[in-house]
Amino acid sequence: MSSAGDRGSAARRRFGLHAGLALVCALVLLPPLWVLRTSLLPEQLSYSGEIMPAFTLENYSGLMAGRFGQSYLNSLIVAVGSVVLALPFAATTGYAFARFRTGGRWARFAVLATQMLPPVALVLPVFSLFRALELSNSLIGLVIVYAALNLPFLTWILMGFFEGIPVDLEWAAMTDGATAWGAFWRIVLPVSLPGIAAAGVLGFILAWNEFLFALVLTGPATATIPVALAALQTSNGVAIAKVSAGVVLAVLPLAIASRFIQRFLVQGLTFGSVK
């Protein structure tokens, strides 16, 4: 009897655990699924309580045919460009901190301290500087700003990855005649590719989602996705169906990038944690 009672108690615990997990999953998945559902409805049915009273792709086609499509392309250019610009500087700076202790702890702290400044304290000086340099209302200016904003963050991430690579690999390469730069280029970078991929994805996400600098430094022709989404609010109210379609389109590149490099992302994020 005791054995049967134990089995029954264990079954009830498992049922309760699975029920709780199912409830948590439902709570997490319901908002994005409801946004997807709203994006597929005509505007006049967007506030309907029915699950799927109609189906249309007009919200997506209307957005991409208008100015939103150009903003989508702008975001891709700016996010990719900022990552491409920042990663080489982050990799070399992170390697110098990890291997040669360049500048000591003060230099590391100085790089990290730049992330403590709120963006609102930087946006006006940056706007004045870029207007003087004729870089405002341009994608190039936004690429430079995002690369500069993300550089300290990417430097610290890559520094942790490089510290997790055994220095014996570089010594062995230099024993065979490689220079310090050659060991870094031929040994360290290939080994740390998962970490670089993880840093690149995180930098892409930060640049893709940034709103304040994009709002101040861009115009109608150079606006990015966050600014374009905010512009969907009109004098007649919020077109919730189009906003939902825009949110789905905005999340899509992030979901695709994370899915295709998920293995590298997880490996890279845990690479520097094991010493």
Protein backbone atom coordinates (compact mmCIF):
# COMPACT_ATOMS: atom_id res chain seq x y z
CA MET A 1 0.00 0.00 0.00
CA SER A 2 2.81 2.34 0.85
CA SER A 3 4.46 1.75 -2.53
CA ALA A 4 1.21 2.45 -4.38
CA GLY A 5 0.69 5.60 -2.33
CA ASP A 6 4.21 6.80 -3.13
CA ARG A 7 3.64 6.20 -6.82
CA GLY A 8 0.37 8.13 -6.67
CA SER A 9 2.02 11.02 -4.84
CA ALA A 10 4.87 11.12 -7.36
CA ALA A 11 2.35 11.08 -10.24
CA ARG A 12 0.44 14.01 -8.68
CA ARG A 13 3.66 15.97 -8.27
CA ARG A 14 4.61 15.35 -11.89
CA PHE A 15 1.14 16.38 -13.03
CA GLY A 16 1.33 19.56 -10.97
CA LEU A 17 4.80 20.34 -12.31
CA HIS A 18 3.75 19.80 -15.92
CA ALA A 19 0.57 21.81 -15.41
CA GLY A 20 2.58 24.67 -13.94
CA LEU A 21 5.07 24.60 -16.81
CA ALA A 22 2.22 24.54 -19.32
CA LEU A 23 0.65 27.58 -17.64
CA VAL A 24 3.94 29.50 -17.66
CA CYS A 25 4.49 28.65 -21.34
CA ALA A 26 0.96 29.82 -22.14
CA LEU A 27 1.52 33.11 -20.32
CA VAL A 28 4.81 33.66 -22.17
CA LEU A 29 3.53 32.65 -25.62
CA LEU A 30 0.10 34.29 -25.51
CA PRO A 31 1.22 37.93 -26.07
CA PRO A 32 3.38 37.25 -29.18
CA LEU A 33 0.75 34.86 -30.59
CA TRP A 34 -1.94 37.49 -30.05
CA VAL A 35 0.20 40.09 -31.81
CA LEU A 36 0.63 37.68 -34.74
CA ARG A 37 -3.11 37.05 -34.78
CA THR A 38 -3.89 40.80 -34.77
CA SER A 39 -1.45 41.41 -37.64
CA LEU A 40 -3.41 38.98 -39.82
CA LEU A 41 -6.78 40.69 -39.28
CA PRO A 42 -8.38 43.65 -41.08
CA GLU A 43 -8.16 46.85 -39.06
CA GLN A 44 -11.89 46.92 -38.31
CA LEU A 45 -11.65 43.46 -36.70
CA SER A 46 -8.39 43.97 -34.84
CA TYR A 47 -10.12 44.54 -31.49
CA SER A 48 -12.47 41.62 -31.97
CA GLY A 49 -12.40 38.99 -29.24
CA GLU A 50 -12.67 36.13 -31.73
CA ILE A 51 -9.58 34.04 -32.35
CA MET A 52 -9.45 34.42 -36.16
CA PRO A 53 -12.61 35.94 -37.62
CA ALA A 54 -10.82 36.76 -40.90
CA PHE A 55 -7.41 36.46 -42.55
CA THR A 56 -5.50 38.99 -44.62
CA LEU A 57 -1.94 39.98 -45.51
CA GLU A 58 -2.91 43.54 -46.39
CA ASN A 59 -1.26 44.91 -43.25
CA TYR A 60 2.11 43.45 -44.27
CA SER A 61 1.88 44.40 -47.93
CA GLY A 62 0.70 47.91 -47.08
CA LEU A 63 3.58 48.46 -44.67
CA MET A 64 6.31 47.14 -46.96
CA ALA A 65 4.97 49.08 -49.93
CA GLY A 66 5.19 52.34 -48.01
CA ARG A 67 7.91 54.14 -46.08
CA PHE A 68 8.14 51.27 -43.59
CA GLY A 69 9.86 49.11 -46.21
CA GLN A 70 12.62 51.70 -46.58
CA SER A 71 12.96 51.90 -42.79
CA TYR A 72 13.32 48.12 -42.70
CA LEU A 73 16.20 48.27 -45.16
CA ASN A 74 17.74 51.16 -43.23
CA SER A 75 17.71 49.12 -40.02
CA LEU A 76 19.39 46.17 -41.72
CA ILE A 77 22.11 48.40 -43.18
CA VAL A 78 22.74 50.25 -39.92
CA ALA A 79 22.70 47.17 -37.66
CA VAL A 80 24.98 45.09 -39.90
CA GLY A 81 27.26 48.05 -40.62
CA SER A 82 27.68 48.93 -36.95
CA VAL A 83 28.59 45.33 -36.08
CA VAL A 84 31.09 45.09 -38.94
CA LEU A 85 32.66 48.39 -37.86
CA ALA A 86 32.77 47.65 -34.12
CA LEU A 87 33.88 44.00 -34.05
CA PRO A 88 37.48 44.49 -35.30
CA PHE A 89 38.11 47.23 -32.71
CA ALA A 90 36.40 45.20 -29.98
CA ALA A 91 38.41 42.07 -30.84
CA THR A 92 41.80 43.79 -30.83
CA THR A 93 41.03 45.84 -27.70
CA GLY A 94 39.62 42.84 -25.86
CA TYR A 95 42.67 40.78 -26.81
CA ALA A 96 45.03 43.50 -25.59
CA PHE A 97 43.21 43.65 -22.26
CA ALA A 98 43.11 39.85 -21.90
CA ARG A 99 46.69 39.00 -22.88
CA PHE A 100 48.84 42.07 -22.28
CA ARG A 101 46.82 43.83 -19.54
CA THR A 102 47.14 47.02 -21.59
CA GLY A 103 46.39 50.05 -19.45
CA GLY A 104 45.80 47.94 -16.37
CA ARG A 105 42.53 47.84 -14.50
CA TRP A 106 41.98 51.56 -14.99
CA ALA A 107 41.76 51.16 -18.75
CA ARG A 108 39.24 48.34 -18.39
CA PHE A 109 37.20 50.41 -15.98
CA ALA A 110 37.35 53.44 -18.28
CA VAL A 111 35.95 51.37 -21.15
CA LEU A 112 33.19 50.00 -18.93
CA ALA A 113 32.44 53.41 -17.42
CA THR A 114 31.39 54.77 -20.80
CA GLN A 115 28.37 52.43 -20.61
CA MET A 116 27.24 54.14 -17.40
CA LEU A 117 26.36 57.38 -19.18
CA PRO A 118 22.64 57.57 -20.02
CA PRO A 119 22.00 57.94 -23.76
CA VAL A 120 19.90 61.05 -23.18
CA ALA A 121 23.04 62.81 -21.89
CA LEU A 122 24.90 62.03 -25.12
CA VAL A 123 22.30 62.51 -27.79
CA LEU A 124 22.40 66.34 -27.95
CA PRO A 125 26.22 66.65 -28.09
CA VAL A 126 26.31 63.92 -30.72
CA PHE A 127 23.60 65.70 -32.72
CA SER A 128 25.52 69.00 -32.60
CA LEU A 129 28.77 67.31 -33.64
CA PHE A 130 27.19 65.35 -36.47
CA ARG A 131 25.33 68.40 -37.76
CA ALA A 132 28.64 70.27 -37.93
CA LEU A 133 30.19 67.32 -39.78
CA GLU A 134 27.12 66.98 -42.04
CA LEU A 135 26.56 63.43 -40.83
CA SER A 136 23.08 63.96 -39.39
CA ASN A 137 20.18 62.46 -41.31
CA SER A 138 22.49 59.84 -42.81
CA LEU A 139 22.91 56.11 -42.37
CA ILE A 140 26.69 56.47 -42.14
CA GLY A 141 26.35 58.70 -39.10
CA LEU A 142 24.01 56.24 -37.43
CA VAL A 143 26.43 53.36 -38.13
CA ILE A 144 29.25 55.31 -36.45
CA VAL A 145 27.10 56.14 -33.43
CA TYR A 146 25.91 52.56 -32.91
CA ALA A 147 29.40 51.16 -33.36
CA ALA A 148 30.72 53.60 -30.74
CA LEU A 149 27.88 52.84 -28.33
CA ASN A 150 28.29 49.07 -28.62
CA LEU A 151 32.10 49.00 -28.68
CA PRO A 152 32.65 48.93 -24.86
CA PHE A 153 30.03 46.20 -24.44
CA LEU A 154 31.50 44.05 -27.22
CA THR A 155 35.04 44.65 -25.92
CA TRP A 156 34.19 43.29 -22.48
CA ILE A 157 32.40 40.27 -23.95
CA LEU A 158 35.31 39.36 -26.22
CA MET A 159 37.82 39.98 -23.45
CA GLY A 160 36.16 37.21 -21.45
CA PHE A 161 36.31 34.88 -24.46
CA PHE A 162 39.99 35.54 -25.07
CA GLU A 163 40.81 34.96 -21.40
CA GLY A 164 39.24 31.51 -21.73
CA ILE A 165 41.65 30.49 -24.52
CA PRO A 166 44.81 28.76 -23.22
CA VAL A 167 47.82 30.96 -23.81
CA ASP A 168 49.84 27.82 -24.54
CA LEU A 169 48.28 27.73 -28.02
CA GLU A 170 49.82 31.09 -28.86
CA TRP A 171 53.17 30.16 -27.34
CA ALA A 172 53.25 27.02 -29.45
CA ALA A 173 52.52 29.05 -32.58
CA MET A 174 55.24 31.60 -31.75
CA THR A 175 57.67 28.76 -31.06
CA ASP A 176 57.03 27.64 -34.64
CA GLY A 177 57.94 31.09 -35.91
CA ALA A 178 54.67 33.01 -35.80
CA THR A 179 54.60 36.58 -34.59
CA ALA A 180 52.22 37.77 -31.87
CA TRP A 181 49.94 39.18 -34.56
CA GLY A 182 50.19 35.96 -36.55
CA ALA A 183 49.24 33.89 -33.50
CA PHE A 184 46.28 36.16 -32.88
CA TRP A 185 45.15 36.01 -36.52
CA ARG A 186 45.73 32.29 -37.16
CA ILE A 187 45.10 30.76 -33.73
CA VAL A 188 43.05 32.99 -31.44
CA LEU A 189 40.47 34.28 -33.92
CA PRO A 190 39.50 30.87 -35.37
CA VAL A 191 39.20 29.38 -31.88
CA SER A 192 37.09 32.30 -30.65
CA LEU A 193 34.66 32.37 -33.60
CA PRO A 194 31.71 31.25 -31.42
CA GLY A 195 32.37 34.14 -29.07
CA ILE A 196 32.73 36.61 -31.92
CA ALA A 197 29.46 35.32 -33.42
CA ALA A 198 27.71 35.76 -30.06
CA ALA A 199 29.06 39.29 -29.68
CA GLY A 200 28.03 40.12 -33.24
CA VAL A 201 24.46 38.91 -32.68
CA LEU A 202 24.14 40.86 -29.44
CA GLY A 203 25.54 43.97 -31.13
CA PHE A 204 23.07 43.52 -33.98
CA ILE A 205 20.17 43.27 -31.54
CA LEU A 206 21.26 46.39 -29.65
CA ALA A 207 21.59 48.40 -32.86
CA TRP A 208 18.33 47.05 -34.29
CA ASN A 209 16.30 48.03 -31.21
CA GLU A 210 17.87 51.45 -30.49
CA PHE A 211 15.33 54.28 -30.63
CA LEU A 212 16.60 57.55 -29.12
CA PHE A 213 19.59 58.25 -31.40
CA ALA A 214 17.63 57.07 -34.43
CA LEU A 215 14.83 59.47 -33.55
CA VAL A 216 17.16 62.47 -33.20
CA LEU A 217 19.70 61.75 -35.95
CA THR A 218 17.45 60.54 -38.78
CA GLY A 219 14.79 61.98 -41.02
CA PRO A 220 11.88 60.44 -42.94
CA ALA A 221 14.18 58.87 -45.56
CA THR A 222 16.68 57.46 -43.05
CA ALA A 223 14.38 56.39 -40.21
CA THR A 224 14.86 52.93 -38.72
CA ILE A 225 12.32 50.33 -37.59
CA PRO A 226 11.73 51.67 -34.01
CA VAL A 227 11.11 55.18 -35.36
CA ALA A 228 8.86 53.85 -38.13
CA LEU A 229 6.82 51.88 -35.60
CA ALA A 230 6.36 54.98 -33.44
CA ALA A 231 5.24 56.90 -36.55
CA LEU A 232 2.32 54.52 -37.06
CA GLN A 233 0.45 56.45 -34.38
CA THR A 234 -1.63 58.99 -36.28
CA SER A 235 -4.11 61.74 -35.39
CA ASN A 236 -6.88 59.17 -35.85
CA GLY A 237 -5.35 56.86 -33.24
CA VAL A 238 -3.15 53.79 -33.37
CA ALA A 239 -3.62 51.44 -36.31
CA ILE A 240 -3.19 48.40 -34.11
CA ALA A 241 -3.29 45.86 -36.94
CA LYS A 242 -0.50 47.64 -38.83
CA VAL A 243 1.49 48.12 -35.62
CA SER A 244 1.19 44.39 -34.93
CA ALA A 245 2.37 43.59 -38.45
CA GLY A 246 5.29 45.96 -37.97
CA VAL A 247 6.22 44.31 -34.66
CA VAL A 248 6.19 40.87 -36.32
CA LEU A 249 8.39 42.14 -39.13
CA ALA A 250 10.73 43.83 -36.64
CA VAL A 251 11.16 40.65 -34.59
CA LEU A 252 11.59 38.38 -37.63
CA PRO A 253 15.29 39.09 -38.39
CA LEU A 254 16.23 38.64 -34.73
CA ALA A 255 14.41 35.31 -34.55
CA ILE A 256 16.01 34.09 -37.79
CA ALA A 257 19.51 35.15 -36.74
CA SER A 258 19.16 33.53 -33.32
CA ARG A 259 17.80 30.32 -34.85
CA PHE A 260 20.56 29.87 -37.41
CA ILE A 261 23.44 30.62 -35.05
CA GLN A 262 21.89 29.28 -31.86
CA ARG A 263 24.67 26.74 -31.40
CA PHE A 264 27.36 29.41 -31.76
CA LEU A 265 25.43 31.82 -29.54
CA VAL A 266 25.14 29.39 -26.62
CA GLN A 267 28.69 28.18 -27.03
CA GLY A 268 30.00 31.72 -27.26
CA LEU A 269 28.10 33.01 -24.24
CA THR A 270 29.49 30.19 -22.08
CA PHE A 271 32.98 30.18 -23.61
CA GLY A 272 34.58 32.65 -21.25
CA SER A 273 32.87 31.35 -18.12
CA VAL A 274 35.09 28.25 -17.71
CA LYS A 275 38.64 29.11 -16.69
